[in-house]
Amino acid sequence: MQPDNREYTRFSLRSKVKLVDHEGKEYEIYTRDLSHGGLFLIMKEDSLPPADSVVEVTAMDIEDPLPQRAVVVRAEAGKGIAIRFLDSE
């Protein structure tokens, strides 16, 4: 087993989010875990946003959420995608 070299600690969290992919397609999905740097999103779809594509994610469980831009760092068929938050510009 390889050591976990992540920059930020991950926490389990199941929360509903809206994801808009690089083609403008919208999904209502759930998080699996989060860290200060990003999220893992559960997606069972056959076609996942590809690695390095920019997406927008919005929390649906809070009042007046702000969309957050992120980049897909990993796509796992049948499981979902890992995203890293982009700094505000």
PDB file of N, CA and C in Angstrom:
ATOM      1  N   MET A   1       0.833  -1.175   0.000  1.00  0.00           N
ATOM      2  CA  MET A   1       0.000   0.000   0.000  1.00  0.00           C
ATOM      3  C   MET A   1       0.882   1.244   0.000  1.00  0.00           C
ATOM      4  N   GLN A   2       0.527   2.212  -0.849  1.00  0.00           N
ATOM      5  CA  GLN A   2       1.308   3.435  -0.951  1.00  0.00           C
ATOM      6  C   GLN A   2       0.902   4.425   0.136  1.00  0.00           C
ATOM      7  N   PRO A   3       1.852   5.243   0.595  1.00  0.00           N
ATOM      8  CA  PRO A   3       1.501   6.257   1.595  1.00  0.00           C
ATOM      9  C   PRO A   3       0.603   7.322   0.982  1.00  0.00           C
ATOM     10  N   ASP A   4      -0.219   7.953   1.803  1.00  0.00           N
ATOM     11  CA  ASP A   4      -1.097   9.025   1.357  1.00  0.00           C
ATOM     12  C   ASP A   4      -0.321  10.333   1.421  1.00  0.00           C
ATOM     13  N   ASN A   5       0.057  10.857   0.267  1.00  0.00           N
ATOM     14  CA  ASN A   5       0.868  12.069   0.203  1.00  0.00           C
ATOM     15  C   ASN A   5       0.035  13.312  -0.090  1.00  0.00           C
ATOM     16  N   ARG A   6      -1.221  13.295   0.257  1.00  0.00           N
ATOM     17  CA  ARG A   6      -2.099  14.427  -0.028  1.00  0.00           C
ATOM     18  C   ARG A   6      -1.680  15.645   0.787  1.00  0.00           C
ATOM     19  N   GLU A   7      -1.876  16.808   0.166  1.00  0.00           N
ATOM     20  CA  GLU A   7      -1.531  18.065   0.834  1.00  0.00           C
ATOM     21  C   GLU A   7      -2.516  18.384   1.960  1.00  0.00           C
ATOM     22  N   TYR A   8      -3.800  18.024   1.767  1.00  0.00           N
ATOM     23  CA  TYR A   8      -4.833  18.330   2.750  1.00  0.00           C
ATOM     24  C   TYR A   8      -5.501  17.055   3.243  1.00  0.00           C
ATOM     25  N   THR A   9      -5.940  17.058   4.491  1.00  0.00           N
ATOM     26  CA  THR A   9      -6.673  15.937   5.070  1.00  0.00           C
ATOM     27  C   THR A   9      -8.054  15.853   4.435  1.00  0.00           C
ATOM     28  N   ARG A  10      -8.508  14.623   4.141  1.00  0.00           N
ATOM     29  CA  ARG A  10      -9.849  14.405   3.589  1.00  0.00           C
ATOM     30  C   ARG A  10     -10.815  14.069   4.714  1.00  0.00           C
ATOM     31  N   PHE A  11     -12.065  14.508   4.527  1.00  0.00           N
ATOM     32  CA  PHE A  11     -13.138  14.213   5.472  1.00  0.00           C
ATOM     33  C   PHE A  11     -14.322  13.643   4.709  1.00  0.00           C
ATOM     34  N   SER A  12     -14.928  12.592   5.243  1.00  0.00           N
ATOM     35  CA  SER A  12     -16.125  12.026   4.621  1.00  0.00           C
ATOM     36  C   SER A  12     -17.251  13.043   4.715  1.00  0.00           C
ATOM     37  N   LEU A  13     -17.950  13.239   3.608  1.00  0.00           N
ATOM     38  CA  LEU A  13     -19.085  14.162   3.588  1.00  0.00           C
ATOM     39  C   LEU A  13     -20.007  13.778   2.445  1.00  0.00           C
ATOM     40  N   ARG A  14     -21.257  13.531   2.770  1.00  0.00           N
ATOM     41  CA  ARG A  14     -22.262  13.264   1.739  1.00  0.00           C
ATOM     42  C   ARG A  14     -23.155  14.491   1.673  1.00  0.00           C
ATOM     43  N   SER A  15     -22.986  15.261   0.613  1.00  0.00           N
ATOM     44  CA  SER A  15     -23.714  16.507   0.430  1.00  0.00           C
ATOM     45  C   SER A  15     -24.102  16.629  -1.039  1.00  0.00           C
ATOM     46  N   LYS A  16     -25.295  17.123  -1.297  1.00  0.00           N
ATOM     47  CA  LYS A  16     -25.773  17.262  -2.671  1.00  0.00           C
ATOM     48  C   LYS A  16     -25.171  18.511  -3.305  1.00  0.00           C
ATOM     49  N   VAL A  17     -24.682  18.354  -4.541  1.00  0.00           N
ATOM     50  CA  VAL A  17     -24.117  19.471  -5.290  1.00  0.00           C
ATOM     51  C   VAL A  17     -24.632  19.451  -6.720  1.00  0.00           C
ATOM     52  N   LYS A  18     -24.564  20.622  -7.350  1.00  0.00           N
ATOM     53  CA  LYS A  18     -24.826  20.712  -8.786  1.00  0.00           C
ATOM     54  C   LYS A  18     -23.482  20.871  -9.469  1.00  0.00           C
ATOM     55  N   LEU A  19     -23.245  20.068 -10.484  1.00  0.00           N
ATOM     56  CA  LEU A  19     -22.013  20.143 -11.263  1.00  0.00           C
ATOM     57  C   LEU A  19     -22.378  20.541 -12.680  1.00  0.00           C
ATOM     58  N   VAL A  20     -21.668  21.522 -13.225  1.00  0.00           N
ATOM     59  CA  VAL A  20     -21.793  21.887 -14.632  1.00  0.00           C
ATOM     60  C   VAL A  20     -20.462  21.535 -15.270  1.00  0.00           C
ATOM     61  N   ASP A  21     -20.503  20.615 -16.255  1.00  0.00           N
ATOM     62  CA  ASP A  21     -19.243  20.151 -16.845  1.00  0.00           C
ATOM     63  C   ASP A  21     -18.747  21.093 -17.937  1.00  0.00           C
ATOM     64  N   HIS A  22     -17.649  20.720 -18.559  1.00  0.00           N
ATOM     65  CA  HIS A  22     -16.986  21.540 -19.572  1.00  0.00           C
ATOM     66  C   HIS A  22     -17.837  21.766 -20.813  1.00  0.00           C
ATOM     67  N   GLU A  23     -18.886  20.970 -21.003  1.00  0.00           N
ATOM     68  CA  GLU A  23     -19.780  21.122 -22.154  1.00  0.00           C
ATOM     69  C   GLU A  23     -21.091  21.804 -21.767  1.00  0.00           C
ATOM     70  N   GLY A  24     -21.226  22.209 -20.499  1.00  0.00           N
ATOM     71  CA  GLY A  24     -22.432  22.872 -20.033  1.00  0.00           C
ATOM     72  C   GLY A  24     -23.513  21.932 -19.527  1.00  0.00           C
ATOM     73  N   LYS A  25     -23.244  20.634 -19.505  1.00  0.00           N
ATOM     74  CA  LYS A  25     -24.214  19.661 -19.005  1.00  0.00           C
ATOM     75  C   LYS A  25     -24.268  19.730 -17.482  1.00  0.00           C
ATOM     76  N   GLU A  26     -25.502  19.705 -16.934  1.00  0.00           N
ATOM     77  CA  GLU A  26     -25.695  19.799 -15.488  1.00  0.00           C
ATOM     78  C   GLU A  26     -26.023  18.444 -14.883  1.00  0.00           C
ATOM     79  N   TYR A  27     -25.475  18.209 -13.693  1.00  0.00           N
ATOM     80  CA  TYR A  27     -25.717  16.984 -12.927  1.00  0.00           C
ATOM     81  C   TYR A  27     -26.060  17.377 -11.494  1.00  0.00           C
ATOM     82  N   GLU A  28     -26.983  16.663 -10.873  1.00  0.00           N
ATOM     83  CA  GLU A  28     -27.205  16.770  -9.432  1.00  0.00           C
ATOM     84  C   GLU A  28     -26.661  15.486  -8.833  1.00  0.00           C
ATOM     85  N   ILE A  29     -25.579  15.611  -8.079  1.00  0.00           N
ATOM     86  CA  ILE A  29     -24.845  14.448  -7.585  1.00  0.00           C
ATOM     87  C   ILE A  29     -24.463  14.666  -6.126  1.00  0.00           C
ATOM     88  N   TYR A  30     -23.734  13.711  -5.558  1.00  0.00           N
ATOM     89  CA  TYR A  30     -23.328  13.787  -4.153  1.00  0.00           C
ATOM     90  C   TYR A  30     -21.814  13.724  -4.021  1.00  0.00           C
ATOM     91  N   THR A  31     -21.333  14.369  -2.964  1.00  0.00           N
ATOM     92  CA  THR A  31     -19.917  14.278  -2.625  1.00  0.00           C
ATOM     93  C   THR A  31     -19.667  12.984  -1.858  1.00  0.00           C
ATOM     94  N   ARG A  32     -18.450  12.494  -1.947  1.00  0.00           N
ATOM     95  CA  ARG A  32     -18.018  11.358  -1.125  1.00  0.00           C
ATOM     96  C   ARG A  32     -17.139  11.850   0.010  1.00  0.00           C
ATOM     97  N   ASP A  33     -16.233  12.772  -0.332  1.00  0.00           N
ATOM     98  CA  ASP A  33     -15.370  13.377   0.679  1.00  0.00           C
ATOM     99  C   ASP A  33     -14.899  14.736   0.199  1.00  0.00           C
ATOM    100  N   LEU A  34     -14.338  15.501   1.124  1.00  0.00           N
ATOM    101  CA  LEU A  34     -13.828  16.813   0.778  1.00  0.00           C
ATOM    102  C   LEU A  34     -12.569  17.107   1.563  1.00  0.00           C
ATOM    103  N   SER A  35     -11.829  18.071   1.061  1.00  0.00           N
ATOM    104  CA  SER A  35     -10.663  18.604   1.758  1.00  0.00           C
ATOM    105  C   SER A  35     -10.628  20.089   1.458  1.00  0.00           C
ATOM    106  N   HIS A  36      -9.669  20.772   2.031  1.00  0.00           N
ATOM    107  CA  HIS A  36      -9.516  22.200   1.760  1.00  0.00           C
ATOM    108  C   HIS A  36      -9.255  22.430   0.268  1.00  0.00           C
ATOM    109  N   GLY A  37      -8.638  21.461  -0.391  1.00  0.00           N
ATOM    110  CA  GLY A  37      -8.252  21.625  -1.786  1.00  0.00           C
ATOM    111  C   GLY A  37      -9.258  21.154  -2.813  1.00  0.00           C
ATOM    112  N   GLY A  38     -10.239  20.311  -2.434  1.00  0.00           N
ATOM    113  CA  GLY A  38     -11.170  19.810  -3.439  1.00  0.00           C
ATOM    114  C   GLY A  38     -12.180  18.827  -2.900  1.00  0.00           C
ATOM    115  N   LEU A  39     -12.808  18.103  -3.827  1.00  0.00           N
ATOM    116  CA  LEU A  39     -13.880  17.155  -3.522  1.00  0.00           C
ATOM    117  C   LEU A  39     -13.727  15.901  -4.358  1.00  0.00           C
ATOM    118  N   PHE A  40     -14.313  14.795  -3.877  1.00  0.00           N
ATOM    119  CA  PHE A  40     -14.547  13.642  -4.738  1.00  0.00           C
ATOM    120  C   PHE A  40     -16.048  13.571  -4.917  1.00  0.00           C
ATOM    121  N   LEU A  41     -16.496  13.552  -6.172  1.00  0.00           N
ATOM    122  CA  LEU A  41     -17.915  13.549  -6.510  1.00  0.00           C
ATOM    123  C   LEU A  41     -18.314  12.188  -7.053  1.00  0.00           C
ATOM    124  N   ILE A  42     -19.382  11.622  -6.503  1.00  0.00           N
ATOM    125  CA  ILE A  42     -19.875  10.314  -6.936  1.00  0.00           C
ATOM    126  C   ILE A  42     -20.634  10.487  -8.240  1.00  0.00           C
ATOM    127  N   MET A  43     -20.163   9.831  -9.298  1.00  0.00           N
ATOM    128  CA  MET A  43     -20.816   9.889 -10.608  1.00  0.00           C
ATOM    129  C   MET A  43     -20.785   8.498 -11.212  1.00  0.00           C
ATOM    130  N   LYS A  44     -21.947   7.920 -11.448  1.00  0.00           N
ATOM    131  CA  LYS A  44     -22.037   6.584 -12.036  1.00  0.00           C
ATOM    132  C   LYS A  44     -22.228   6.648 -13.554  1.00  0.00           C
ATOM    133  N   GLU A  45     -22.304   7.853 -14.113  1.00  0.00           N
ATOM    134  CA  GLU A  45     -22.520   8.028 -15.546  1.00  0.00           C
ATOM    135  C   GLU A  45     -21.408   7.356 -16.350  1.00  0.00           C
ATOM    136  N   ASP A  46     -21.759   6.924 -17.561  1.00  0.00           N
ATOM    137  CA  ASP A  46     -20.773   6.309 -18.451  1.00  0.00           C
ATOM    138  C   ASP A  46     -19.751   7.333 -18.935  1.00  0.00           C
ATOM    139  N   SER A  47     -20.199   8.549 -19.142  1.00  0.00           N
ATOM    140  CA  SER A  47     -19.335   9.596 -19.668  1.00  0.00           C
ATOM    141  C   SER A  47     -19.040  10.611 -18.568  1.00  0.00           C
ATOM    142  N   LEU A  48     -17.804  10.624 -18.105  1.00  0.00           N
ATOM    143  CA  LEU A  48     -17.387  11.541 -17.043  1.00  0.00           C
ATOM    144  C   LEU A  48     -16.631  12.719 -17.644  1.00  0.00           C
ATOM    145  N   PRO A  49     -16.675  13.886 -17.004  1.00  0.00           N
ATOM    146  CA  PRO A  49     -15.820  14.978 -17.463  1.00  0.00           C
ATOM    147  C   PRO A  49     -14.361  14.510 -17.437  1.00  0.00           C
ATOM    148  N   PRO A  50     -13.607  14.792 -18.486  1.00  0.00           N
ATOM    149  CA  PRO A  50     -12.228  14.296 -18.553  1.00  0.00           C
ATOM    150  C   PRO A  50     -11.274  15.045 -17.625  1.00  0.00           C
ATOM    151  N   ALA A  51     -10.180  14.390 -17.297  1.00  0.00           N
ATOM    152  CA  ALA A  51      -9.130  15.026 -16.501  1.00  0.00           C
ATOM    153  C   ALA A  51      -8.689  16.307 -17.195  1.00  0.00           C
ATOM    154  N   ASP A  52      -8.356  17.297 -16.409  1.00  0.00           N
ATOM    155  CA  ASP A  52      -7.898  18.618 -16.839  1.00  0.00           C
ATOM    156  C   ASP A  52      -9.007  19.525 -17.357  1.00  0.00           C
ATOM    157  N   SER A  53     -10.267  19.062 -17.371  1.00  0.00           N
ATOM    158  CA  SER A  53     -11.355  19.947 -17.789  1.00  0.00           C
ATOM    159  C   SER A  53     -11.809  20.792 -16.598  1.00  0.00           C
ATOM    160  N   VAL A  54     -12.279  21.998 -16.888  1.00  0.00           N
ATOM    161  CA  VAL A  54     -12.760  22.910 -15.851  1.00  0.00           C
ATOM    162  C   VAL A  54     -14.263  22.718 -15.692  1.00  0.00           C
ATOM    163  N   VAL A  55     -14.708  22.611 -14.448  1.00  0.00           N
ATOM    164  CA  VAL A  55     -16.119  22.419 -14.118  1.00  0.00           C
ATOM    165  C   VAL A  55     -16.525  23.479 -13.096  1.00  0.00           C
ATOM    166  N   GLU A  56     -17.840  23.570 -12.868  1.00  0.00           N
ATOM    167  CA  GLU A  56     -18.350  24.463 -11.835  1.00  0.00           C
ATOM    168  C   GLU A  56     -19.195  23.639 -10.885  1.00  0.00           C
ATOM    169  N   VAL A  57     -18.977  23.794  -9.604  1.00  0.00           N
ATOM    170  CA  VAL A  57     -19.715  23.027  -8.601  1.00  0.00           C
ATOM    171  C   VAL A  57     -20.370  24.000  -7.614  1.00  0.00           C
ATOM    172  N   THR A  58     -21.637  23.692  -7.271  1.00  0.00           N
ATOM    173  CA  THR A  58     -22.400  24.538  -6.358  1.00  0.00           C
ATOM    174  C   THR A  58     -23.052  23.663  -5.298  1.00  0.00           C
ATOM    175  N   ALA A  59     -22.834  23.979  -4.035  1.00  0.00           N
ATOM    176  CA  ALA A  59     -23.475  23.245  -2.939  1.00  0.00           C
ATOM    177  C   ALA A  59     -24.974  23.499  -2.994  1.00  0.00           C
ATOM    178  N   MET A  60     -25.775  22.445  -2.810  1.00  0.00           N
ATOM    179  CA  MET A  60     -27.228  22.588  -2.854  1.00  0.00           C
ATOM    180  C   MET A  60     -27.850  22.502  -1.469  1.00  0.00           C
ATOM    181  N   ASP A  61     -27.054  22.195  -0.464  1.00  0.00           N
ATOM    182  CA  ASP A  61     -27.568  22.014   0.890  1.00  0.00           C
ATOM    183  C   ASP A  61     -27.491  23.279   1.743  1.00  0.00           C
ATOM    184  N   ILE A  62     -27.059  24.393   1.136  1.00  0.00           N
ATOM    185  CA  ILE A  62     -26.949  25.636   1.896  1.00  0.00           C
ATOM    186  C   ILE A  62     -27.729  26.741   1.194  1.00  0.00           C
ATOM    187  N   GLU A  63     -28.089  27.760   1.953  1.00  0.00           N
ATOM    188  CA  GLU A  63     -28.820  28.890   1.405  1.00  0.00           C
ATOM    189  C   GLU A  63     -27.854  29.833   0.694  1.00  0.00           C
ATOM    190  N   ASP A  64     -28.237  30.330  -0.465  1.00  0.00           N
ATOM    191  CA  ASP A  64     -27.439  31.269  -1.258  1.00  0.00           C
ATOM    192  C   ASP A  64     -26.012  30.775  -1.532  1.00  0.00           C
ATOM    193  N   PRO A  65     -25.865  29.591  -2.105  1.00  0.00           N
ATOM    194  CA  PRO A  65     -24.519  29.068  -2.381  1.00  0.00           C
ATOM    195  C   PRO A  65     -23.850  29.817  -3.528  1.00  0.00           C
ATOM    196  N   LEU A  66     -22.540  29.864  -3.505  1.00  0.00           N
ATOM    197  CA  LEU A  66     -21.766  30.459  -4.587  1.00  0.00           C
ATOM    198  C   LEU A  66     -21.121  29.353  -5.409  1.00  0.00           C
ATOM    199  N   PRO A  67     -21.232  29.429  -6.737  1.00  0.00           N
ATOM    200  CA  PRO A  67     -20.554  28.432  -7.575  1.00  0.00           C
ATOM    201  C   PRO A  67     -19.038  28.534  -7.400  1.00  0.00           C
ATOM    202  N   GLN A  68     -18.375  27.400  -7.475  1.00  0.00           N
ATOM    203  CA  GLN A  68     -16.917  27.346  -7.337  1.00  0.00           C
ATOM    204  C   GLN A  68     -16.343  26.656  -8.566  1.00  0.00           C
ATOM    205  N   ARG A  69     -15.367  27.270  -9.204  1.00  0.00           N
ATOM    206  CA  ARG A  69     -14.696  26.641 -10.346  1.00  0.00           C
ATOM    207  C   ARG A  69     -13.668  25.647  -9.835  1.00  0.00           C
ATOM    208  N   ALA A  70     -13.527  24.561 -10.589  1.00  0.00           N
ATOM    209  CA  ALA A  70     -12.582  23.511 -10.207  1.00  0.00           C
ATOM    210  C   ALA A  70     -12.073  22.825 -11.466  1.00  0.00           C
ATOM    211  N   VAL A  71     -10.992  22.095 -11.321  1.00  0.00           N
ATOM    212  CA  VAL A  71     -10.446  21.312 -12.425  1.00  0.00           C
ATOM    213  C   VAL A  71     -10.515  19.838 -12.043  1.00  0.00           C
ATOM    214  N   VAL A  72     -10.866  19.004 -13.013  1.00  0.00           N
ATOM    215  CA  VAL A  72     -10.917  17.560 -12.785  1.00  0.00           C
ATOM    216  C   VAL A  72      -9.486  17.038 -12.761  1.00  0.00           C
ATOM    217  N   VAL A  73      -9.105  16.405 -11.666  1.00  0.00           N
ATOM    218  CA  VAL A  73      -7.751  15.857 -11.568  1.00  0.00           C
ATOM    219  C   VAL A  73      -7.721  14.357 -11.823  1.00  0.00           C
ATOM    220  N   ARG A  74      -8.883  13.700 -11.659  1.00  0.00           N
ATOM    221  CA  ARG A  74      -8.934  12.248 -11.879  1.00  0.00           C
ATOM    222  C   ARG A  74     -10.378  11.845 -12.143  1.00  0.00           C
ATOM    223  N   ALA A  75     -10.576  10.964 -13.118  1.00  0.00           N
ATOM    224  CA  ALA A  75     -11.895  10.402 -13.399  1.00  0.00           C
ATOM    225  C   ALA A  75     -11.800   8.889 -13.253  1.00  0.00           C
ATOM    226  N   GLU A  76     -12.679   8.307 -12.431  1.00  0.00           N
ATOM    227  CA  GLU A  76     -12.688   6.867 -12.185  1.00  0.00           C
ATOM    228  C   GLU A  76     -14.012   6.299 -12.677  1.00  0.00           C
ATOM    229  N   ALA A  77     -13.983   5.551 -13.775  1.00  0.00           N
ATOM    230  CA  ALA A  77     -15.197   4.985 -14.362  1.00  0.00           C
ATOM    231  C   ALA A  77     -15.993   4.212 -13.316  1.00  0.00           C
ATOM    232  N   GLY A  78     -17.291   4.471 -13.261  1.00  0.00           N
ATOM    233  CA  GLY A  78     -18.169   3.782 -12.330  1.00  0.00           C
ATOM    234  C   GLY A  78     -18.111   4.296 -10.904  1.00  0.00           C
ATOM    235  N   LYS A  79     -17.209   5.235 -10.621  1.00  0.00           N
ATOM    236  CA  LYS A  79     -17.064   5.769  -9.258  1.00  0.00           C
ATOM    237  C   LYS A  79     -17.311   7.267  -9.202  1.00  0.00           C
ATOM    238  N   GLY A  80     -16.573   8.031 -10.005  1.00  0.00           N
ATOM    239  CA  GLY A  80     -16.751   9.472  -9.985  1.00  0.00           C
ATOM    240  C   GLY A  80     -15.496  10.225 -10.362  1.00  0.00           C
ATOM    241  N   ILE A  81     -15.451  11.491  -9.939  1.00  0.00           N
ATOM    242  CA  ILE A  81     -14.327  12.353 -10.291  1.00  0.00           C
ATOM    243  C   ILE A  81     -13.768  13.052  -9.054  1.00  0.00           C
ATOM    244  N   ALA A  82     -12.473  13.278  -9.081  1.00  0.00           N
ATOM    245  CA  ALA A  82     -11.805  14.092  -8.067  1.00  0.00           C
ATOM    246  C   ALA A  82     -11.571  15.461  -8.685  1.00  0.00           C
ATOM    247  N   ILE A  83     -11.951  16.506  -7.957  1.00  0.00           N
ATOM    248  CA  ILE A  83     -11.748  17.860  -8.461  1.00  0.00           C
ATOM    249  C   ILE A  83     -10.916  18.662  -7.471  1.00  0.00           C
ATOM    250  N   ARG A  84     -10.161  19.617  -8.023  1.00  0.00           N
ATOM    251  CA  ARG A  84      -9.347  20.532  -7.214  1.00  0.00           C
ATOM    252  C   ARG A  84      -9.888  21.933  -7.441  1.00  0.00           C
ATOM    253  N   PHE A  85     -10.173  22.635  -6.352  1.00  0.00           N
ATOM    254  CA  PHE A  85     -10.693  23.991  -6.462  1.00  0.00           C
ATOM    255  C   PHE A  85      -9.659  24.906  -7.104  1.00  0.00           C
ATOM    256  N   LEU A  86     -10.137  25.813  -7.956  1.00  0.00           N
ATOM    257  CA  LEU A  86      -9.278  26.824  -8.562  1.00  0.00           C
ATOM    258  C   LEU A  86      -9.359  28.083  -7.717  1.00  0.00           C
ATOM    259  N   ASP A  87      -8.253  28.804  -7.628  1.00  0.00           N
ATOM    260  CA  ASP A  87      -8.242  30.061  -6.881  1.00  0.00           C
ATOM    261  C   ASP A  87      -9.165  31.055  -7.558  1.00  0.00           C
ATOM    262  N   SER A  88      -9.780  31.905  -6.774  1.00  0.00           N
ATOM    263  CA  SER A  88     -10.623  32.967  -7.331  1.00  0.00           C
ATOM    264  C   SER A  88      -9.752  33.911  -8.133  1.00  0.00           C
ATOM    265  N   GLU A  89     -10.308  34.348  -9.244  1.00  0.00           N
ATOM    266  CA  GLU A  89      -9.539  35.254 -10.112  1.00  0.00           C
ATOM    267  C   GLU A  89     -10.128  36.634 -10.096  1.00  0.00           C
TER     268      GLU A  89
END
